[in-house]
mmCIF file of all heavy atoms, coordinates in Angstrom:
data_MODEL
# 
_entry.id   MODEL 
# 
loop_
_atom_site.group_PDB 
_atom_site.id 
_atom_site.type_symbol 
_atom_site.label_atom_id 
_atom_site.label_alt_id 
_atom_site.label_comp_id 
_atom_site.label_asym_id 
_atom_site.label_entity_id 
_atom_site.label_seq_id 
_atom_site.pdbx_PDB_ins_code 
_atom_site.Cartn_x 
_atom_site.Cartn_y 
_atom_site.Cartn_z 
_atom_site.occupancy 
_atom_site.B_iso_or_equiv 
_atom_site.pdbx_formal_charge 
_atom_site.auth_seq_id 
_atom_site.auth_comp_id 
_atom_site.auth_asym_id 
_atom_site.auth_atom_id 
_atom_site.pdbx_PDB_model_num 
ATOM 1   N N   . LYS A 1 1  ? 0.883   -1.181  -0.022  1.00 0.00 ? 1  LYS A N   1 
ATOM 2   C CA  . LYS A 1 1  ? -0.046  0.007   0.036   1.00 0.00 ? 1  LYS A CA  1 
ATOM 3   C C   . LYS A 1 1  ? 0.902   1.226   -0.007  1.00 0.00 ? 1  LYS A C   1 
ATOM 4   O O   . LYS A 1 1  ? 0.545   2.270   -0.681  1.00 0.00 ? 1  LYS A O   1 
ATOM 5   C CB  . LYS A 1 1  ? -0.962  0.012   1.274   1.00 0.00 ? 1  LYS A CB  1 
ATOM 6   C CG  . LYS A 1 1  ? -1.982  -1.156  1.200   1.00 0.00 ? 1  LYS A CG  1 
ATOM 7   C CD  . LYS A 1 1  ? -2.913  -1.067  0.034   1.00 0.00 ? 1  LYS A CD  1 
ATOM 8   C CE  . LYS A 1 1  ? -3.810  0.098   0.073   1.00 0.00 ? 1  LYS A CE  1 
ATOM 9   N NZ  . LYS A 1 1  ? -4.850  0.071   -1.020  1.00 0.00 ? 1  LYS A NZ  1 
ATOM 10  N N   . GLY A 1 2  ? 1.973   1.184   0.778   1.00 0.00 ? 2  GLY A N   1 
ATOM 11  C CA  . GLY A 1 2  ? 2.895   2.299   0.746   1.00 0.00 ? 2  GLY A CA  1 
ATOM 12  C C   . GLY A 1 2  ? 3.426   2.689   -0.568  1.00 0.00 ? 2  GLY A C   1 
ATOM 13  O O   . GLY A 1 2  ? 3.462   3.825   -0.945  1.00 0.00 ? 2  GLY A O   1 
ATOM 14  N N   . LEU A 1 3  ? 3.886   1.661   -1.422  1.00 0.00 ? 3  LEU A N   1 
ATOM 15  C CA  . LEU A 1 3  ? 4.404   1.905   -2.695  1.00 0.00 ? 3  LEU A CA  1 
ATOM 16  C C   . LEU A 1 3  ? 3.312   2.385   -3.635  1.00 0.00 ? 3  LEU A C   1 
ATOM 17  O O   . LEU A 1 3  ? 3.525   3.162   -4.594  1.00 0.00 ? 3  LEU A O   1 
ATOM 18  C CB  . LEU A 1 3  ? 5.112   0.638   -3.262  1.00 0.00 ? 3  LEU A CB  1 
ATOM 19  C CG  . LEU A 1 3  ? 6.476   0.285   -2.586  1.00 0.00 ? 3  LEU A CG  1 
ATOM 20  C CD1 . LEU A 1 3  ? 7.005   -0.901  -3.255  1.00 0.00 ? 3  LEU A CD1 1 
ATOM 21  C CD2 . LEU A 1 3  ? 7.429   1.525   -2.666  1.00 0.00 ? 3  LEU A CD2 1 
ATOM 22  N N   . SER A 1 4  ? 2.082   1.893   -3.552  1.00 0.00 ? 4  SER A N   1 
ATOM 23  C CA  . SER A 1 4  ? 0.960   2.251   -4.303  1.00 0.00 ? 4  SER A CA  1 
ATOM 24  C C   . SER A 1 4  ? 0.694   3.631   -4.138  1.00 0.00 ? 4  SER A C   1 
ATOM 25  O O   . SER A 1 4  ? 0.407   4.464   -5.054  1.00 0.00 ? 4  SER A O   1 
ATOM 26  C CB  . SER A 1 4  ? -0.263  1.460   -3.984  1.00 0.00 ? 4  SER A CB  1 
ATOM 27  O OG  . SER A 1 4  ? -0.103  0.086   -4.245  1.00 0.00 ? 4  SER A OG  1 
ATOM 28  N N   . ASN A 1 5  ? 0.749   4.226   -2.808  1.00 0.00 ? 5  ASN A N   1 
ATOM 29  C CA  . ASN A 1 5  ? 0.538   5.525   -2.547  1.00 0.00 ? 5  ASN A CA  1 
ATOM 30  C C   . ASN A 1 5  ? 1.581   6.517   -3.076  1.00 0.00 ? 5  ASN A C   1 
ATOM 31  O O   . ASN A 1 5  ? 1.325   7.634   -3.303  1.00 0.00 ? 5  ASN A O   1 
ATOM 32  C CB  . ASN A 1 5  ? 0.399   5.738   -0.958  1.00 0.00 ? 5  ASN A CB  1 
ATOM 33  C CG  . ASN A 1 5  ? -0.895  5.127   -0.396  1.00 0.00 ? 5  ASN A CG  1 
ATOM 34  O OD1 . ASN A 1 5  ? -1.799  4.877   -1.095  1.00 0.00 ? 5  ASN A OD1 1 
ATOM 35  N ND2 . ASN A 1 5  ? -0.816  4.813   0.903   1.00 0.00 ? 5  ASN A ND2 1 
ATOM 36  N N   . LEU A 1 6  ? 2.760   5.938   -3.291  1.00 0.00 ? 6  LEU A N   1 
ATOM 37  C CA  . LEU A 1 6  ? 3.813   6.686   -3.977  1.00 0.00 ? 6  LEU A CA  1 
ATOM 38  C C   . LEU A 1 6  ? 3.782   6.734   -5.527  1.00 0.00 ? 6  LEU A C   1 
ATOM 39  O O   . LEU A 1 6  ? 4.616   7.235   -6.189  1.00 0.00 ? 6  LEU A O   1 
ATOM 40  C CB  . LEU A 1 6  ? 5.211   6.184   -3.535  1.00 0.00 ? 6  LEU A CB  1 
ATOM 41  C CG  . LEU A 1 6  ? 5.530   6.421   -2.060  1.00 0.00 ? 6  LEU A CG  1 
ATOM 42  C CD1 . LEU A 1 6  ? 6.848   5.671   -1.638  1.00 0.00 ? 6  LEU A CD1 1 
ATOM 43  C CD2 . LEU A 1 6  ? 5.639   7.946   -1.775  1.00 0.00 ? 6  LEU A CD2 1 
ATOM 44  N N   . GLY A 1 7  ? 2.695   6.079   -6.006  1.00 0.00 ? 7  GLY A N   1 
ATOM 45  C CA  . GLY A 1 7  ? 2.450   6.134   -7.490  1.00 0.00 ? 7  GLY A CA  1 
ATOM 46  C C   . GLY A 1 7  ? 2.792   4.955   -8.258  1.00 0.00 ? 7  GLY A C   1 
ATOM 47  O O   . GLY A 1 7  ? 2.689   4.859   -9.510  1.00 0.00 ? 7  GLY A O   1 
ATOM 48  N N   . HIS A 1 8  ? 3.296   3.881   -7.658  1.00 0.00 ? 8  HIS A N   1 
ATOM 49  C CA  . HIS A 1 8  ? 3.773   2.690   -8.367  1.00 0.00 ? 8  HIS A CA  1 
ATOM 50  C C   . HIS A 1 8  ? 2.456   1.789   -8.655  1.00 0.00 ? 8  HIS A C   1 
ATOM 51  O O   . HIS A 1 8  ? 1.477   1.792   -7.905  1.00 0.00 ? 8  HIS A O   1 
ATOM 52  C CB  . HIS A 1 8  ? 4.713   1.833   -7.535  1.00 0.00 ? 8  HIS A CB  1 
ATOM 53  C CG  . HIS A 1 8  ? 6.035   2.499   -7.348  1.00 0.00 ? 8  HIS A CG  1 
ATOM 54  N ND1 . HIS A 1 8  ? 7.003   2.590   -8.298  1.00 0.00 ? 8  HIS A ND1 1 
ATOM 55  C CD2 . HIS A 1 8  ? 6.578   3.141   -6.300  1.00 0.00 ? 8  HIS A CD2 1 
ATOM 56  C CE1 . HIS A 1 8  ? 8.047   3.218   -7.791  1.00 0.00 ? 8  HIS A CE1 1 
ATOM 57  N NE2 . HIS A 1 8  ? 7.841   3.576   -6.680  1.00 0.00 ? 8  HIS A NE2 1 
ATOM 58  N N   . ASP A 1 9  ? 2.510   1.105   -9.805  1.00 0.00 ? 9  ASP A N   1 
ATOM 59  C CA  . ASP A 1 9  ? 1.444   0.149   -10.215 1.00 0.00 ? 9  ASP A CA  1 
ATOM 60  C C   . ASP A 1 9  ? 1.880   -1.184  -9.583  1.00 0.00 ? 9  ASP A C   1 
ATOM 61  O O   . ASP A 1 9  ? 2.663   -1.899  -10.150 1.00 0.00 ? 9  ASP A O   1 
ATOM 62  C CB  . ASP A 1 9  ? 1.354   0.189   -11.709 1.00 0.00 ? 9  ASP A CB  1 
ATOM 63  C CG  . ASP A 1 9  ? 0.265   -0.775  -12.178 1.00 0.00 ? 9  ASP A CG  1 
ATOM 64  O OD1 . ASP A 1 9  ? -0.468  -1.394  -11.365 1.00 0.00 ? 9  ASP A OD1 1 
ATOM 65  O OD2 . ASP A 1 9  ? 0.284   -1.044  -13.420 1.00 0.00 ? 9  ASP A OD2 1 
ATOM 66  N N   . VAL A 1 10 ? 1.270   -1.538  -8.442  1.00 0.00 ? 10 VAL A N   1 
ATOM 67  C CA  . VAL A 1 10 ? 1.707   -2.799  -7.707  1.00 0.00 ? 10 VAL A CA  1 
ATOM 68  C C   . VAL A 1 10 ? 0.760   -3.899  -7.867  1.00 0.00 ? 10 VAL A C   1 
ATOM 69  O O   . VAL A 1 10 ? -0.437  -3.613  -7.662  1.00 0.00 ? 10 VAL A O   1 
ATOM 70  C CB  . VAL A 1 10 ? 1.846   -2.348  -6.162  1.00 0.00 ? 10 VAL A CB  1 
ATOM 71  C CG1 . VAL A 1 10 ? 2.432   -3.640  -5.441  1.00 0.00 ? 10 VAL A CG1 1 
ATOM 72  C CG2 . VAL A 1 10 ? 2.884   -1.145  -5.995  1.00 0.00 ? 10 VAL A CG2 1 
ATOM 73  N N   . LYS A 1 11 ? 1.282   -5.059  -8.172  1.00 0.00 ? 11 LYS A N   1 
ATOM 74  C CA  . LYS A 1 11 ? 0.570   -6.249  -8.276  1.00 0.00 ? 11 LYS A CA  1 
ATOM 75  C C   . LYS A 1 11 ? 1.229   -7.350  -7.384  1.00 0.00 ? 11 LYS A C   1 
ATOM 76  O O   . LYS A 1 11 ? 2.451   -7.208  -7.124  1.00 0.00 ? 11 LYS A O   1 
ATOM 77  C CB  . LYS A 1 11 ? 0.358   -6.697  -9.725  1.00 0.00 ? 11 LYS A CB  1 
ATOM 78  C CG  . LYS A 1 11 ? -0.433  -5.805  -10.577 1.00 0.00 ? 11 LYS A CG  1 
ATOM 79  C CD  . LYS A 1 11 ? -0.556  -6.207  -12.086 1.00 0.00 ? 11 LYS A CD  1 
ATOM 80  C CE  . LYS A 1 11 ? -1.185  -5.140  -12.870 1.00 0.00 ? 11 LYS A CE  1 
ATOM 81  N NZ  . LYS A 1 11 ? -1.251  -5.578  -14.292 1.00 0.00 ? 11 LYS A NZ  1 
ATOM 82  N N   . VAL A 1 12 ? 0.423   -8.387  -7.025  1.00 0.00 ? 12 VAL A N   1 
ATOM 83  C CA  . VAL A 1 12 ? 1.000   -9.393  -6.217  1.00 0.00 ? 12 VAL A CA  1 
ATOM 84  C C   . VAL A 1 12 ? 0.761   -10.724 -6.948  1.00 0.00 ? 12 VAL A C   1 
ATOM 85  O O   . VAL A 1 12 ? -0.307  -11.012 -7.387  1.00 0.00 ? 12 VAL A O   1 
ATOM 86  C CB  . VAL A 1 12 ? 0.354   -9.498  -4.815  1.00 0.00 ? 12 VAL A CB  1 
ATOM 87  C CG1 . VAL A 1 12 ? 0.983   -10.587 -3.914  1.00 0.00 ? 12 VAL A CG1 1 
ATOM 88  C CG2 . VAL A 1 12 ? 0.543   -8.062  -4.094  1.00 0.00 ? 12 VAL A CG2 1 
ATOM 89  N N   . LEU A 1 13 ? 1.801   -11.548 -6.945  1.00 0.00 ? 13 LEU A N   1 
ATOM 90  C CA  . LEU A 1 13 ? 1.725   -12.913 -7.437  1.00 0.00 ? 13 LEU A CA  1 
ATOM 91  C C   . LEU A 1 13 ? 2.147   -13.836 -6.344  1.00 0.00 ? 13 LEU A C   1 
ATOM 92  O O   . LEU A 1 13 ? 3.267   -13.812 -5.923  1.00 0.00 ? 13 LEU A O   1 
ATOM 93  C CB  . LEU A 1 13 ? 2.602   -13.190 -8.702  1.00 0.00 ? 13 LEU A CB  1 
ATOM 94  C CG  . LEU A 1 13 ? 2.646   -14.643 -9.265  1.00 0.00 ? 13 LEU A CG  1 
ATOM 95  C CD1 . LEU A 1 13 ? 1.269   -15.011 -9.666  1.00 0.00 ? 13 LEU A CD1 1 
ATOM 96  C CD2 . LEU A 1 13 ? 3.590   -14.655 -10.430 1.00 0.00 ? 13 LEU A CD2 1 
ATOM 97  N N   . ALA A 1 14 ? 1.189   -14.584 -5.748  1.00 0.00 ? 14 ALA A N   1 
ATOM 98  C CA  . ALA A 1 14 ? 1.451   -15.539 -4.672  1.00 0.00 ? 14 ALA A CA  1 
ATOM 99  C C   . ALA A 1 14 ? 1.427   -16.906 -5.122  1.00 0.00 ? 14 ALA A C   1 
ATOM 100 O O   . ALA A 1 14 ? 0.661   -17.249 -6.020  1.00 0.00 ? 14 ALA A O   1 
ATOM 101 C CB  . ALA A 1 14 ? 0.366   -15.305 -3.590  1.00 0.00 ? 14 ALA A CB  1 
ATOM 102 N N   . VAL A 1 15 ? 2.185   -17.771 -4.509  1.00 0.00 ? 15 VAL A N   1 
ATOM 103 C CA  . VAL A 1 15 ? 2.185   -19.138 -4.871  1.00 0.00 ? 15 VAL A CA  1 
ATOM 104 C C   . VAL A 1 15 ? 0.861   -19.806 -4.443  1.00 0.00 ? 15 VAL A C   1 
ATOM 105 O O   . VAL A 1 15 ? 0.212   -20.472 -5.146  1.00 0.00 ? 15 VAL A O   1 
ATOM 106 C CB  . VAL A 1 15 ? 3.383   -19.932 -4.126  1.00 0.00 ? 15 VAL A CB  1 
ATOM 107 C CG1 . VAL A 1 15 ? 3.406   -21.439 -4.549  1.00 0.00 ? 15 VAL A CG1 1 
ATOM 108 C CG2 . VAL A 1 15 ? 4.769   -19.356 -4.499  1.00 0.00 ? 15 VAL A CG2 1 
ATOM 109 N N   . TYR A 1 16 ? 0.438   -19.478 -3.195  1.00 0.00 ? 16 TYR A N   1 
ATOM 110 C CA  . TYR A 1 16 ? -0.803  -20.071 -2.625  1.00 0.00 ? 16 TYR A CA  1 
ATOM 111 C C   . TYR A 1 16 ? -1.678  -18.986 -2.091  1.00 0.00 ? 16 TYR A C   1 
ATOM 112 O O   . TYR A 1 16 ? -1.244  -17.943 -1.662  1.00 0.00 ? 16 TYR A O   1 
ATOM 113 C CB  . TYR A 1 16 ? -0.503  -21.065 -1.536  1.00 0.00 ? 16 TYR A CB  1 
ATOM 114 C CG  . TYR A 1 16 ? 0.246   -22.336 -1.983  1.00 0.00 ? 16 TYR A CG  1 
ATOM 115 C CD1 . TYR A 1 16 ? 1.565   -22.495 -1.713  1.00 0.00 ? 16 TYR A CD1 1 
ATOM 116 C CD2 . TYR A 1 16 ? -0.368  -23.305 -2.877  1.00 0.00 ? 16 TYR A CD2 1 
ATOM 117 C CE1 . TYR A 1 16 ? 2.328   -23.526 -2.103  1.00 0.00 ? 16 TYR A CE1 1 
ATOM 118 C CE2 . TYR A 1 16 ? 0.338   -24.374 -3.297  1.00 0.00 ? 16 TYR A CE2 1 
ATOM 119 C CZ  . TYR A 1 16 ? 1.703   -24.560 -2.965  1.00 0.00 ? 16 TYR A CZ  1 
ATOM 120 O OH  . TYR A 1 16 ? 2.396   -25.517 -3.389  1.00 0.00 ? 16 TYR A OH  1 
ATOM 121 N N   . LYS A 1 17 ? -2.979  -19.265 -2.090  1.00 0.00 ? 17 LYS A N   1 
ATOM 122 C CA  . LYS A 1 17 ? -4.034  -18.327 -1.517  1.00 0.00 ? 17 LYS A CA  1 
ATOM 123 C C   . LYS A 1 17 ? -3.851  -18.424 -0.061  1.00 0.00 ? 17 LYS A C   1 
ATOM 124 O O   . LYS A 1 17 ? -3.701  -19.394 0.591   1.00 0.00 ? 17 LYS A O   1 
ATOM 125 C CB  . LYS A 1 17 ? -5.428  -18.770 -1.892  1.00 0.00 ? 17 LYS A CB  1 
ATOM 126 C CG  . LYS A 1 17 ? -6.544  -17.891 -1.293  1.00 0.00 ? 17 LYS A CG  1 
ATOM 127 C CD  . LYS A 1 17 ? -6.996  -16.908 -2.379  1.00 0.00 ? 17 LYS A CD  1 
ATOM 128 C CE  . LYS A 1 17 ? -8.338  -16.268 -1.924  1.00 0.00 ? 17 LYS A CE  1 
ATOM 129 N NZ  . LYS A 1 17 ? -8.193  -15.165 -1.001  1.00 0.00 ? 17 LYS A NZ  1 
ATOM 130 N N   . GLY A 1 18 ? -3.913  -17.160 0.615   1.00 0.00 ? 18 GLY A N   1 
ATOM 131 C CA  . GLY A 1 18 ? -3.765  -17.154 2.090   1.00 0.00 ? 18 GLY A CA  1 
ATOM 132 C C   . GLY A 1 18 ? -5.035  -17.110 2.836   1.00 0.00 ? 18 GLY A C   1 
ATOM 133 O O   . GLY A 1 18 ? -5.940  -17.945 2.483   1.00 0.00 ? 18 GLY A O   1 
ATOM 134 N N   . ALA A 1 19 ? -5.290  -16.196 3.674   1.00 0.00 ? 19 ALA A N   1 
ATOM 135 C CA  . ALA A 1 19 ? -6.413  -16.116 4.542   1.00 0.00 ? 19 ALA A CA  1 
ATOM 136 C C   . ALA A 1 19 ? -7.697  -15.944 3.765   1.00 0.00 ? 19 ALA A C   1 
ATOM 137 O O   . ALA A 1 19 ? -7.812  -15.068 2.964   1.00 0.00 ? 19 ALA A O   1 
ATOM 138 C CB  . ALA A 1 19 ? -6.285  -14.959 5.550   1.00 0.00 ? 19 ALA A CB  1 
ATOM 139 N N   . LYS A 1 20 ? -8.586  -16.829 4.055   1.00 0.00 ? 20 LYS A N   1 
ATOM 140 C CA  . LYS A 1 20 ? -9.932  -16.815 3.275   1.00 0.00 ? 20 LYS A CA  1 
ATOM 141 C C   . LYS A 1 20 ? -10.801 -15.667 3.744   1.00 0.00 ? 20 LYS A C   1 
ATOM 142 O O   . LYS A 1 20 ? -10.803 -15.361 4.950   1.00 0.00 ? 20 LYS A O   1 
ATOM 143 C CB  . LYS A 1 20 ? -10.622 -18.193 3.507   1.00 0.00 ? 20 LYS A CB  1 
ATOM 144 C CG  . LYS A 1 20 ? -9.915  -19.374 2.757   1.00 0.00 ? 20 LYS A CG  1 
ATOM 145 C CD  . LYS A 1 20 ? -10.696 -20.646 2.934   1.00 0.00 ? 20 LYS A CD  1 
ATOM 146 C CE  . LYS A 1 20 ? -9.944  -21.831 2.321   1.00 0.00 ? 20 LYS A CE  1 
ATOM 147 N NZ  . LYS A 1 20 ? -10.580 -23.092 2.584   1.00 0.00 ? 20 LYS A NZ  1 
ATOM 148 N N   . GLY A 1 21 ? -11.497 -15.073 2.837   1.00 0.00 ? 21 GLY A N   1 
ATOM 149 C CA  . GLY A 1 21 ? -12.384 -14.044 3.288   1.00 0.00 ? 21 GLY A CA  1 
ATOM 150 C C   . GLY A 1 21 ? -11.743 -12.652 3.509   1.00 0.00 ? 21 GLY A C   1 
ATOM 151 O O   . GLY A 1 21 ? -12.468 -11.748 3.863   1.00 0.00 ? 21 GLY A O   1 
ATOM 152 N N   . GLU A 1 22 ? -10.392 -12.609 3.348   1.00 0.00 ? 22 GLU A N   1 
ATOM 153 C CA  . GLU A 1 22 ? -9.747  -11.231 3.646   1.00 0.00 ? 22 GLU A CA  1 
ATOM 154 C C   . GLU A 1 22 ? -9.829  -10.385 2.360   1.00 0.00 ? 22 GLU A C   1 
ATOM 155 O O   . GLU A 1 22 ? -9.323  -10.753 1.331   1.00 0.00 ? 22 GLU A O   1 
ATOM 156 C CB  . GLU A 1 22 ? -8.342  -11.543 4.015   1.00 0.00 ? 22 GLU A CB  1 
ATOM 157 C CG  . GLU A 1 22 ? -8.063  -11.925 5.476   1.00 0.00 ? 22 GLU A CG  1 
ATOM 158 C CD  . GLU A 1 22 ? -8.352  -10.863 6.397   1.00 0.00 ? 22 GLU A CD  1 
ATOM 159 O OE1 . GLU A 1 22 ? -7.827  -9.800  6.245   1.00 0.00 ? 22 GLU A OE1 1 
ATOM 160 O OE2 . GLU A 1 22 ? -9.236  -11.031 7.255   1.00 0.00 ? 22 GLU A OE2 1 
ATOM 161 N N   . GLU A 1 23 ? -10.496 -9.283  2.567   1.00 0.00 ? 23 GLU A N   1 
ATOM 162 C CA  . GLU A 1 23 ? -10.487 -8.282  1.446   1.00 0.00 ? 23 GLU A CA  1 
ATOM 163 C C   . GLU A 1 23 ? -9.465  -7.278  1.707   1.00 0.00 ? 23 GLU A C   1 
ATOM 164 O O   . GLU A 1 23 ? -9.498  -6.457  2.705   1.00 0.00 ? 23 GLU A O   1 
ATOM 165 C CB  . GLU A 1 23 ? -11.937 -7.534  1.382   1.00 0.00 ? 23 GLU A CB  1 
ATOM 166 C CG  . GLU A 1 23 ? -13.087 -8.527  1.072   1.00 0.00 ? 23 GLU A CG  1 
ATOM 167 C CD  . GLU A 1 23 ? -12.958 -9.166  -0.268  1.00 0.00 ? 23 GLU A CD  1 
ATOM 168 O OE1 . GLU A 1 23 ? -12.390 -8.448  -1.204  1.00 0.00 ? 23 GLU A OE1 1 
ATOM 169 O OE2 . GLU A 1 23 ? -13.328 -10.186 -0.464  1.00 0.00 ? 23 GLU A OE2 1 
ATOM 170 N N   . VAL A 1 24 ? -8.420  -7.276  0.889   1.00 0.00 ? 24 VAL A N   1 
ATOM 171 C CA  . VAL A 1 24 ? -7.306  -6.382  1.067   1.00 0.00 ? 24 VAL A CA  1 
ATOM 172 C C   . VAL A 1 24 ? -7.143  -5.220  0.117   1.00 0.00 ? 24 VAL A C   1 
ATOM 173 O O   . VAL A 1 24 ? -6.301  -4.313  0.236   1.00 0.00 ? 24 VAL A O   1 
ATOM 174 C CB  . VAL A 1 24 ? -6.052  -7.303  0.987   1.00 0.00 ? 24 VAL A CB  1 
ATOM 175 C CG1 . VAL A 1 24 ? -5.963  -8.153  2.109   1.00 0.00 ? 24 VAL A CG1 1 
ATOM 176 C CG2 . VAL A 1 24 ? -5.939  -8.034  -0.328  1.00 0.00 ? 24 VAL A CG2 1 
# 
């Protein structure tokens, strides 16, 4: 979120899904 606020286009690629139901 900090890098997004500085203007970067940030995406995440995770190996596995984490906590269910978490809206981030």
